[in-house]
Every structure is written in C-alpha cells, then in structure tokens.
C-alpha atoms as a PDB file:
ATOM      1  CA  MET A   1       4.340   0.661  31.520  1.00  0.00           C
ATOM      2  CA  THR A   2       2.512  -0.285  27.557  1.00  0.00           C
ATOM      3  CA  VAL A   3       5.163  -2.043  25.558  1.00  0.00           C
ATOM      4  CA  ALA A   4       5.210  -0.499  22.128  1.00  0.00           C
ATOM      5  CA  ALA A   5       4.524  -1.932  18.811  1.00  0.00           C
ATOM      6  CA  ARG A   6       7.648  -2.349  16.389  1.00  0.00           C
ATOM      7  CA  ALA A   7       5.831  -3.043  13.672  1.00  0.00           C
ATOM      8  CA  THR A   8       2.493  -2.890  11.984  1.00  0.00           C
ATOM      9  CA  ILE A   9       1.149  -4.857   9.435  1.00  0.00           C
ATOM     10  CA  PHE A  10      -2.227  -3.592   7.402  1.00  0.00           C
ATOM     11  CA  ASP A  11      -4.752  -5.333   5.786  1.00  0.00           C
ATOM     12  CA  LEU A  12      -5.668  -4.169   2.517  1.00  0.00           C
ATOM     13  CA  ASP A  13      -9.290  -4.194   0.849  1.00  0.00           C
ATOM     14  CA  ASP A  14     -11.894  -2.144   2.259  1.00  0.00           C
ATOM     15  CA  THR A  15      -8.889  -1.174   5.286  1.00  0.00           C
ATOM     16  CA  LEU A  16      -5.990   0.563   2.937  1.00  0.00           C
ATOM     17  CA  LEU A  17      -8.217  -0.203  -0.545  1.00  0.00           C
ATOM     18  CA  ASP A  18     -11.481   1.130  -1.441  1.00  0.00           C
ATOM     19  CA  THR A  19     -12.188  -2.325  -2.953  1.00  0.00           C
ATOM     20  CA  GLN A  20     -15.689  -2.698  -1.479  1.00  0.00           C
ATOM     21  CA  HIS A  21     -17.731  -2.520  -4.457  1.00  0.00           C
ATOM     22  CA  LEU A  22     -15.089  -3.395  -6.978  1.00  0.00           C
ATOM     23  CA  TRP A  23     -14.414  -6.857  -5.798  1.00  0.00           C
ATOM     24  CA  PRO A  24     -18.345  -8.605  -5.945  1.00  0.00           C
ATOM     25  CA  LYS A  25     -18.502  -6.421  -9.096  1.00  0.00           C
ATOM     26  CA  VAL A  26     -15.892  -9.042 -10.851  1.00  0.00           C
ATOM     27  CA  CYS A  27     -17.269 -11.669  -9.072  1.00  0.00           C
ATOM     28  CA  ALA A  28     -20.554 -11.450 -10.358  1.00  0.00           C
ATOM     29  CA  ALA A  29     -19.645 -11.075 -13.630  1.00  0.00           C
ATOM     30  CA  PHE A  30     -18.011 -13.964 -13.617  1.00  0.00           C
ATOM     31  CA  ALA A  31     -20.885 -15.996 -11.710  1.00  0.00           C
ATOM     32  CA  ALA A  32     -23.193 -14.536 -14.475  1.00  0.00           C
ATOM     33  CA  ARG A  33     -21.246 -15.926 -17.006  1.00  0.00           C
ATOM     34  CA  HIS A  34     -21.518 -19.385 -15.199  1.00  0.00           C
ATOM     35  CA  GLY A  35     -25.007 -19.490 -15.005  1.00  0.00           C
ATOM     36  CA  HIS A  36     -25.116 -17.569 -11.195  1.00  0.00           C
ATOM     37  CA  ARG A  37     -27.611 -14.400 -10.569  1.00  0.00           C
ATOM     38  CA  TRP A  38     -25.698 -12.135  -8.167  1.00  0.00           C
ATOM     39  CA  ARG A  39     -27.759 -11.299  -4.536  1.00  0.00           C
ATOM     40  CA  THR A  40     -27.089  -9.143  -1.832  1.00  0.00           C
ATOM     41  CA  GLU A  41     -25.819 -11.760   0.655  1.00  0.00           C
ATOM     42  CA  ASP A  42     -23.182 -13.127  -1.836  1.00  0.00           C
ATOM     43  CA  THR A  43     -21.597  -9.602  -1.661  1.00  0.00           C
ATOM     44  CA  LEU A  44     -21.746  -9.804   2.115  1.00  0.00           C
ATOM     45  CA  ALA A  45     -20.413 -13.156   2.025  1.00  0.00           C
ATOM     46  CA  LEU A  46     -17.257 -11.858  -0.104  1.00  0.00           C
ATOM     47  CA  HIS A  47     -16.054  -9.084   2.629  1.00  0.00           C
ATOM     48  CA  GLY A  48     -13.296 -10.566   4.899  1.00  0.00           C
ATOM     49  CA  ASN A  49     -13.723 -14.500   2.959  1.00  0.00           C
ATOM     50  CA  GLY A  50     -10.377 -15.439   2.919  1.00  0.00           C
ATOM     51  CA  ALA A  51     -11.993 -18.441   0.800  1.00  0.00           C
ATOM     52  CA  TRP A  52     -13.756 -15.796  -1.474  1.00  0.00           C
ATOM     53  CA  ALA A  53     -12.652 -17.750  -4.514  1.00  0.00           C
ATOM     54  CA  ALA A  54     -14.342 -20.665  -3.333  1.00  0.00           C
ATOM     55  CA  TYR A  55     -16.829 -19.299  -2.669  1.00  0.00           C
ATOM     56  CA  VAL A  56     -17.712 -17.754  -5.901  1.00  0.00           C
ATOM     57  CA  ALA A  57     -16.858 -21.185  -7.502  1.00  0.00           C
ATOM     58  CA  ALA A  58     -19.575 -22.989  -5.815  1.00  0.00           C
ATOM     59  CA  LEU A  59     -21.988 -20.581  -7.074  1.00  0.00           C
ATOM     60  CA  CYS A  60     -21.041 -21.574 -10.279  1.00  0.00           C
ATOM     61  CA  ALA A  61     -23.317 -24.262 -12.205  1.00  0.00           C
ATOM     62  CA  ASP A  62     -20.534 -26.228 -13.753  1.00  0.00           C
ATOM     63  CA  ALA A  63     -17.364 -27.336 -12.509  1.00  0.00           C
ATOM     64  CA  THR A  64     -15.332 -23.882 -12.053  1.00  0.00           C
ATOM     65  CA  GLY A  65     -12.882 -24.639  -9.990  1.00  0.00           C
ATOM     66  CA  PRO A  66     -11.317 -21.647  -7.318  1.00  0.00           C
ATOM     67  CA  ASP A  67      -7.866 -21.178  -9.237  1.00  0.00           C
ATOM     68  CA  GLU A  68     -10.227 -20.484 -12.293  1.00  0.00           C
ATOM     69  CA  VAL A  69     -12.281 -17.636 -10.007  1.00  0.00           C
ATOM     70  CA  ILE A  70      -8.902 -16.016  -9.064  1.00  0.00           C
ATOM     71  CA  GLU A  71      -7.528 -16.057 -12.559  1.00  0.00           C
ATOM     72  CA  ALA A  72     -10.191 -14.422 -14.252  1.00  0.00           C
ATOM     73  CA  CYS A  73     -11.340 -12.120 -11.278  1.00  0.00           C
ATOM     74  CA  THR A  74      -7.477 -11.051 -10.650  1.00  0.00           C
ATOM     75  CA  ASP A  75      -7.433 -10.097 -14.615  1.00  0.00           C
ATOM     76  CA  ALA A  76     -10.759  -7.774 -14.129  1.00  0.00           C
ATOM     77  CA  MET A  77      -9.416  -6.349 -10.861  1.00  0.00           C
ATOM     78  CA  ILE A  78      -5.776  -5.518 -12.486  1.00  0.00           C
ATOM     79  CA  GLY A  79      -8.029  -4.022 -15.139  1.00  0.00           C
ATOM     80  CA  GLU A  80      -9.748  -1.693 -12.674  1.00  0.00           C
ATOM     81  CA  VAL A  81      -6.480  -0.943 -11.315  1.00  0.00           C
ATOM     82  CA  ASP A  82      -5.247   0.368 -14.545  1.00  0.00           C
ATOM     83  CA  ALA A  83      -8.610   2.467 -15.168  1.00  0.00           C
ATOM     84  CA  GLY A  84      -7.797   3.990 -11.926  1.00  0.00           C
ATOM     85  CA  HIS A  85     -10.939   2.614 -10.428  1.00  0.00           C
ATOM     86  CA  VAL A  86      -8.865   1.210  -7.551  1.00  0.00           C
ATOM     87  CA  ARG A  87      -8.519   4.480  -5.113  1.00  0.00           C
ATOM     88  CA  ALA A  88      -7.137   4.406  -1.448  1.00  0.00           C
ATOM     89  CA  LEU A  89      -9.794   5.095   1.392  1.00  0.00           C
ATOM     90  CA  PRO A  90      -9.235   8.734   3.033  1.00  0.00           C
ATOM     91  CA  GLY A  91      -6.012   8.844   5.008  1.00  0.00           C
ATOM     92  CA  ALA A  92      -5.530   5.335   4.355  1.00  0.00           C
ATOM     93  CA  VAL A  93      -1.946   6.806   2.821  1.00  0.00           C
ATOM     94  CA  ASP A  94      -0.931   8.857   5.381  1.00  0.00           C
ATOM     95  CA  LEU A  95      -1.344   6.006   7.903  1.00  0.00           C
ATOM     96  CA  VAL A  96       1.021   3.182   6.390  1.00  0.00           C
ATOM     97  CA  LEU A  97       3.250   6.100   5.694  1.00  0.00           C
ATOM     98  CA  GLU A  98       3.094   7.162   9.603  1.00  0.00           C
ATOM     99  CA  ALA A  99       3.569   3.595  10.398  1.00  0.00           C
ATOM    100  CA  ALA A 100       6.780   3.771   8.623  1.00  0.00           C
ATOM    101  CA  ARG A 101       8.116   6.564  10.508  1.00  0.00           C
ATOM    102  CA  HIS A 102       7.923   5.096  13.599  1.00  0.00           C
ATOM    103  CA  GLY A 103       8.888   1.094  12.813  1.00  0.00           C
ATOM    104  CA  LEU A 104       8.644  -1.967   9.856  1.00  0.00           C
ATOM    105  CA  THR A 105       5.251  -2.281   7.712  1.00  0.00           C
ATOM    106  CA  GLY A 106       3.414  -4.761   5.956  1.00  0.00           C
ATOM    107  CA  VAL A 107       0.392  -5.917   4.777  1.00  0.00           C
ATOM    108  CA  ALA A 108      -1.312  -9.576   4.989  1.00  0.00           C
ATOM    109  CA  THR A 109      -3.867  -9.972   2.818  1.00  0.00           C
ATOM    110  CA  ALA A 110      -6.121 -12.893   0.958  1.00  0.00           C
ATOM    111  CA  SER A 111      -6.502 -11.083  -1.893  1.00  0.00           C
ATOM    112  CA  PRO A 112      -4.020 -12.419  -4.975  1.00  0.00           C
ATOM    113  CA  ARG A 113      -0.311 -11.299  -5.150  1.00  0.00           C
ATOM    114  CA  ARG A 114      -1.022  -9.556  -9.149  1.00  0.00           C
ATOM    115  CA  PHE A 115      -3.616  -7.503  -8.043  1.00  0.00           C
ATOM    116  CA  VAL A 116      -2.425  -6.705  -4.384  1.00  0.00           C
ATOM    117  CA  HIS A 117       1.311  -5.768  -5.790  1.00  0.00           C
ATOM    118  CA  ALA A 118      -0.555  -3.838  -8.706  1.00  0.00           C
ATOM    119  CA  ALA A 119      -2.477  -1.751  -6.253  1.00  0.00           C
ATOM    120  CA  LEU A 120       0.381  -0.994  -4.142  1.00  0.00           C
ATOM    121  CA  ASP A 121       2.524   0.344  -7.206  1.00  0.00           C
ATOM    122  CA  ARG A 122      -0.474   2.209  -7.937  1.00  0.00           C
ATOM    123  CA  LEU A 123      -0.496   3.747  -4.929  1.00  0.00           C
ATOM    124  CA  GLY A 124       3.434   4.395  -4.217  1.00  0.00           C
ATOM    125  CA  LEU A 125       3.236   2.174  -1.137  1.00  0.00           C
ATOM    126  CA  SER A 126       5.249  -0.720  -2.079  1.00  0.00           C
ATOM    127  CA  ALA A 127       8.666   0.830  -0.871  1.00  0.00           C
ATOM    128  CA  ARG A 128       6.998   1.952   2.606  1.00  0.00           C
ATOM    129  CA  LEU A 129       6.423  -1.906   3.222  1.00  0.00           C
ATOM    130  CA  HIS A 130       9.329  -4.131   4.691  1.00  0.00           C
ATOM    131  CA  THR A 131       6.377  -7.254   3.733  1.00  0.00           C
ATOM    132  CA  VAL A 132       3.512  -8.025   1.655  1.00  0.00           C
ATOM    133  CA  VAL A 133       1.794 -11.743   2.356  1.00  0.00           C
ATOM    134  CA  CYS A 134      -1.016 -12.543  -0.227  1.00  0.00           C
ATOM    135  CA  GLY A 135      -3.530 -15.658  -0.502  1.00  0.00           C
ATOM    136  CA  GLU A 136      -0.429 -17.745  -2.683  1.00  0.00           C
ATOM    137  CA  ASP A 137       1.468 -17.454   0.459  1.00  0.00           C
ATOM    138  CA  VAL A 138      -0.681 -19.256   2.860  1.00  0.00           C
ATOM    139  CA  THR A 139      -2.507 -22.405   3.375  1.00  0.00           C
ATOM    140  CA  ARG A 140      -5.027 -21.294   5.739  1.00  0.00           C
ATOM    141  CA  ALA A 141      -6.903 -17.765   5.110  1.00  0.00           C
ATOM    142  CA  LYS A 142      -8.211 -15.587   7.258  1.00  0.00           C
ATOM    143  CA  PRO A 143      -9.487 -16.124  10.260  1.00  0.00           C
ATOM    144  CA  ALA A 144      -6.674 -18.836  10.533  1.00  0.00           C
ATOM    145  CA  PRO A 145      -3.730 -16.681  12.024  1.00  0.00           C
ATOM    146  CA  ASP A 146      -1.152 -17.831   9.180  1.00  0.00           C
ATOM    147  CA  ALA A 147      -1.005 -14.764   7.326  1.00  0.00           C
ATOM    148  CA  TYR A 148      -0.001 -12.604  10.359  1.00  0.00           C
ATOM    149  CA  VAL A 149       2.064 -15.293  11.732  1.00  0.00           C
ATOM    150  CA  ARG A 150       3.800 -15.474   8.199  1.00  0.00           C
ATOM    151  CA  ALA A 151       4.067 -11.346   7.970  1.00  0.00           C
ATOM    152  CA  ALA A 152       5.438 -11.033  11.747  1.00  0.00           C
ATOM    153  CA  TYR A 153       8.094 -13.736  10.844  1.00  0.00           C
ATOM    154  CA  GLU A 154       9.264 -12.159   7.639  1.00  0.00           C
ATOM    155  CA  LEU A 155       9.396  -8.761   9.928  1.00  0.00           C
ATOM    156  CA  GLY A 156      11.493 -10.551  11.965  1.00  0.00           C
ATOM    157  CA  VAL A 157       9.392  -9.695  14.894  1.00  0.00           C
ATOM    158  CA  PRO A 158       7.490 -11.440  17.383  1.00  0.00           C
ATOM    159  CA  PRO A 159       3.588 -11.303  17.011  1.00  0.00           C
ATOM    160  CA  SER A 160       3.108  -9.621  20.220  1.00  0.00           C
ATOM    161  CA  GLU A 161       5.469  -6.793  18.990  1.00  0.00           C
ATOM    162  CA  CYS A 162       3.138  -6.327  16.092  1.00  0.00           C
ATOM    163  CA  LEU A 163       0.035  -4.544  15.649  1.00  0.00           C
ATOM    164  CA  ALA A 164      -2.625  -5.158  13.049  1.00  0.00           C
ATOM    165  CA  VAL A 165      -4.822  -2.384  11.163  1.00  0.00           C
ATOM    166  CA  GLU A 166      -7.849  -4.568  10.326  1.00  0.00           C
ATOM    167  CA  ASP A 167     -11.823  -4.037   9.030  1.00  0.00           C
ATOM    168  CA  SER A 168     -13.250  -6.927   9.183  1.00  0.00           C
ATOM    169  CA  PRO A 169     -14.482  -9.570  11.495  1.00  0.00           C
ATOM    170  CA  SER A 170     -12.496 -12.451   9.707  1.00  0.00           C
ATOM    171  CA  GLY A 171      -9.387 -10.602   9.963  1.00  0.00           C
ATOM    172  CA  ILE A 172      -9.776  -8.986  13.677  1.00  0.00           C
ATOM    173  CA  ARG A 173      -9.768 -12.828  14.854  1.00  0.00           C
ATOM    174  CA  SER A 174      -7.055 -13.538  12.650  1.00  0.00           C
ATOM    175  CA  ALA A 175      -4.414 -11.096  13.700  1.00  0.00           C
ATOM    176  CA  VAL A 176      -5.647 -12.252  17.340  1.00  0.00           C
ATOM    177  CA  THR A 177      -5.414 -15.567  17.045  1.00  0.00           C
ATOM    178  CA  ALA A 178      -1.741 -14.830  15.987  1.00  0.00           C
ATOM    179  CA  GLY A 179      -0.463 -12.899  19.174  1.00  0.00           C
ATOM    180  CA  LEU A 180      -1.072  -9.855  17.211  1.00  0.00           C
ATOM    181  CA  ARG A 181      -2.572  -6.131  18.952  1.00  0.00           C
ATOM    182  CA  VAL A 182      -5.250  -5.192  16.544  1.00  0.00           C
ATOM    183  CA  LEU A 183      -6.589  -1.555  16.059  1.00  0.00           C
ATOM    184  CA  ALA A 184     -10.045  -1.847  14.285  1.00  0.00           C
ATOM    185  CA  VAL A 185     -11.026   0.746  11.689  1.00  0.00           C
ATOM    186  CA  PRO A 186     -14.789  -0.919  10.551  1.00  0.00           C
ATOM    187  CA  ARG A 187     -15.342   0.031   6.908  1.00  0.00           C
ATOM    188  CA  ASN A 188     -17.929   3.281   6.501  1.00  0.00           C
ATOM    189  CA  GLY A 189     -17.597   3.383  10.403  1.00  0.00           C
ATOM    190  CA  THR A 190     -20.113  -0.139  10.504  1.00  0.00           C
ATOM    191  CA  GLU A 191     -20.023  -1.552  13.936  1.00  0.00           C
ATOM    192  CA  LEU A 192     -18.500  -4.815  14.554  1.00  0.00           C
ATOM    193  CA  PRO A 193     -20.650  -8.203  16.015  1.00  0.00           C
ATOM    194  CA  ALA A 194     -20.622  -8.276  19.761  1.00  0.00           C
ATOM    195  CA  GLU A 195     -18.519 -11.260  19.437  1.00  0.00           C
ATOM    196  CA  VAL A 196     -15.239  -9.389  18.406  1.00  0.00           C
ATOM    197  CA  ALA A 197     -16.323  -5.986  19.173  1.00  0.00           C
ATOM    198  CA  ASP A 198     -13.873  -6.570  22.299  1.00  0.00           C
ATOM    199  CA  LEU A 199     -11.342  -8.274  20.842  1.00  0.00           C
ATOM    200  CA  PRO A 200      -9.288  -5.119  19.283  1.00  0.00           C
ATOM    201  CA  THR A 201      -6.835  -3.023  21.308  1.00  0.00           C
ATOM    202  CA  ALA A 202      -8.118  -0.117  20.154  1.00  0.00           C
ATOM    203  CA  HIS A 203     -10.775   1.649  17.588  1.00  0.00           C
ATOM    204  CA  ALA A 204     -11.313   3.842  15.221  1.00  0.00           C
ATOM    205  CA  ARG A 205     -14.201   5.313  12.924  1.00  0.00           C
ATOM    206  CA  SER A 206     -11.958   5.513   9.703  1.00  0.00           C
ATOM    207  CA  ALA A 207      -8.192   5.676   7.986  1.00  0.00           C
ATOM    208  CA  VAL A 208      -7.811   9.078   9.193  1.00  0.00           C
ATOM    209  CA  HIS A 209      -9.293   9.352  12.510  1.00  0.00           C
ATOM    210  CA  ALA A 210      -6.811   6.227  13.274  1.00  0.00           C
ATOM    211  CA  ARG A 211      -3.458   7.941  12.535  1.00  0.00           C
ATOM    212  CA  PRO A 212      -3.365   9.320  16.158  1.00  0.00           C
ATOM    213  CA  VAL A 213      -4.561   6.123  17.864  1.00  0.00           C
ATOM    214  CA  LEU A 214      -1.518   4.402  15.887  1.00  0.00           C
ATOM    215  CA  VAL A 215       0.706   7.022  17.047  1.00  0.00           C
ATOM    216  CA  ARG A 216      -0.077   6.249  20.224  1.00  0.00           C
ATOM    217  CA  MET A 217      -0.030   2.756  20.140  1.00  0.00           C
ATOM    218  CA  LEU A 218       3.490   2.615  18.969  1.00  0.00           C
ATOM    219  CA  ARG A 219       4.920   5.013  20.667  1.00  0.00           C
ATOM    220  CA  PRO A 220       3.775   5.205  23.872  1.00  0.00           C
ATOM    221  CA  ASP A 221       7.077   7.279  25.486  1.00  0.00           C
ATOM    222  CA  LEU A 222       5.201  10.195  22.920  1.00  0.00           C
ATOM    223  CA  ALA A 223       1.687  10.139  24.209  1.00  0.00           C
ATOM    224  CA  ALA A 224       2.749   9.770  28.579  1.00  0.00           C
ATOM    225  CA  ARG A 225       5.524  12.703  27.543  1.00  0.00           C
ATOM    226  CA  ALA A 226       2.300  14.879  25.658  1.00  0.00           C
ATOM    227  CA  SER A 227      -0.078  13.417  29.115  1.00  0.00           C
ATOM    228  CA  GLU A 228       2.744  15.290  31.472  1.00  0.00           C
ATOM    229  CA  GLY A 229       3.283  18.407  29.099  1.00  0.00           C
ATOM    230  CA  ALA A 230      -0.706  18.904  29.859  1.00  0.00           C
ATOM    231  CA  LEU A 231      -0.598  18.277  33.288  1.00  0.00           C
ATOM    232  CA  ARG A 232       2.353  20.982  34.125  1.00  0.00           C
ATOM    233  CA  ARG A 233       0.439  23.068  31.794  1.00  0.00           C
ATOM    234  CA  VAL A 234      -2.372  23.316  33.792  1.00  0.00           C
ATOM    235  CA  PRO A 235      -2.523  26.271  36.579  1.00  0.00           C
END
C-alpha cells in the first residue's frame, strides 16, 4: 500500500517563480560592474546552483566576495519584484494551494531571505506556507540535503513522509538524499540528465500538469477509490 505524503516542500525559482531570466540578468549586471562579460555558460551554471553567489564572485576581477554579491543581487531582485516582473509560473499558485488542502506546505530554496519573502508576499503565498528555508538558513546548499532536512524538521514530519517539488538536477539530488519523494517538474519541459532522470518518484511537464500527480501522491486513497469506481462502471 502506498503511504501518503503528509507535507509538500517546494523549490522556489523555476519551480514556482518564473525567474529563469531575471537572476542571470541581475548577476550579469553585477559581474559587468566588476569587469566580467557574462557568457551563456554563466547563465547555465546558475541553474539550481546553491553556491550561485560564490560562482559570481569568482568571475569578478577584484576582491568581491559572496556576501557582496548576495546583497547587491538581492536588492536588484527585490526591485524586479516591486516592478511586477517576478511572476508565478502558470499553475504554480494553484499547485501550492492544492498541496495546502491536503497537508503541510513549505519552501526550501537557495535564494536570499529578503527576496524570497518579498516574492512570496507578492504572490499571496506566505500565509499558505508553514515553513520557508532560505539560503542563509543552511551551511551546505543544494545538492546537499540540508535545506530539505531542515524544512522537514520544521514541519515536524519525517522526510520519508514529505514530497518535494523540484525542477533542477541539483534540487532533485538534494531532496532524494534527504529521504523525500520527489515530483520533478523540469523548467520548460526539458529532459533531466540520465543520471538524475530515475531519481524522482514522479514527473510532470509543468505545474499545471503536476496538480493531479501531486494529489495522487498526497491522497492515494482518493486515487484508489477513483480507480475502483471506474472499474465498477465498466459493463
């Protein structure tokens, strides 16, 4: 018998938020002020990178450190929030609300706390979440399991009874290592690398397609009853 998950923990950027182009934009602007010309490979390196600030700092020719990167880029991203440029991905808000109907909910992200709370407040999701773990809250970023371990602990639910919703290979590894089941929703429907593709319990093409999958994982009893009802209707 499938054991229902009691809590859902969401990644934030590119899982709930459409920030695929915004973080590279603000990081590129910061790097340009410090003598680095941004490249396509820099954008790719940011995706799911919990050590993003250290990566950007290393691109700069002067003595810039991760703390300076975080401060400046967070200010810039909050400006994007205030300008209305940070939006939820299609179906993402409904996905969180659906999860909240069936259990506890949280967020585990490498993004800075000031940005995270500004974005969640803007989307009206803060009141629906029981915990929010940000980049400052853990020593080791994804793919280390720390963020998901902490989120599960704060929810008071064993990791084995939590469901993670993730888009990136790094985040998927983090959640699996922490002991969570994973619903993978890769951004733009991209294929996961072969070494990661078999790690999630389930996959969906988008947050919209993820909703019925999430319900089945949180309420397998409902899925079983629906299946039994369909069988009874067969002549």
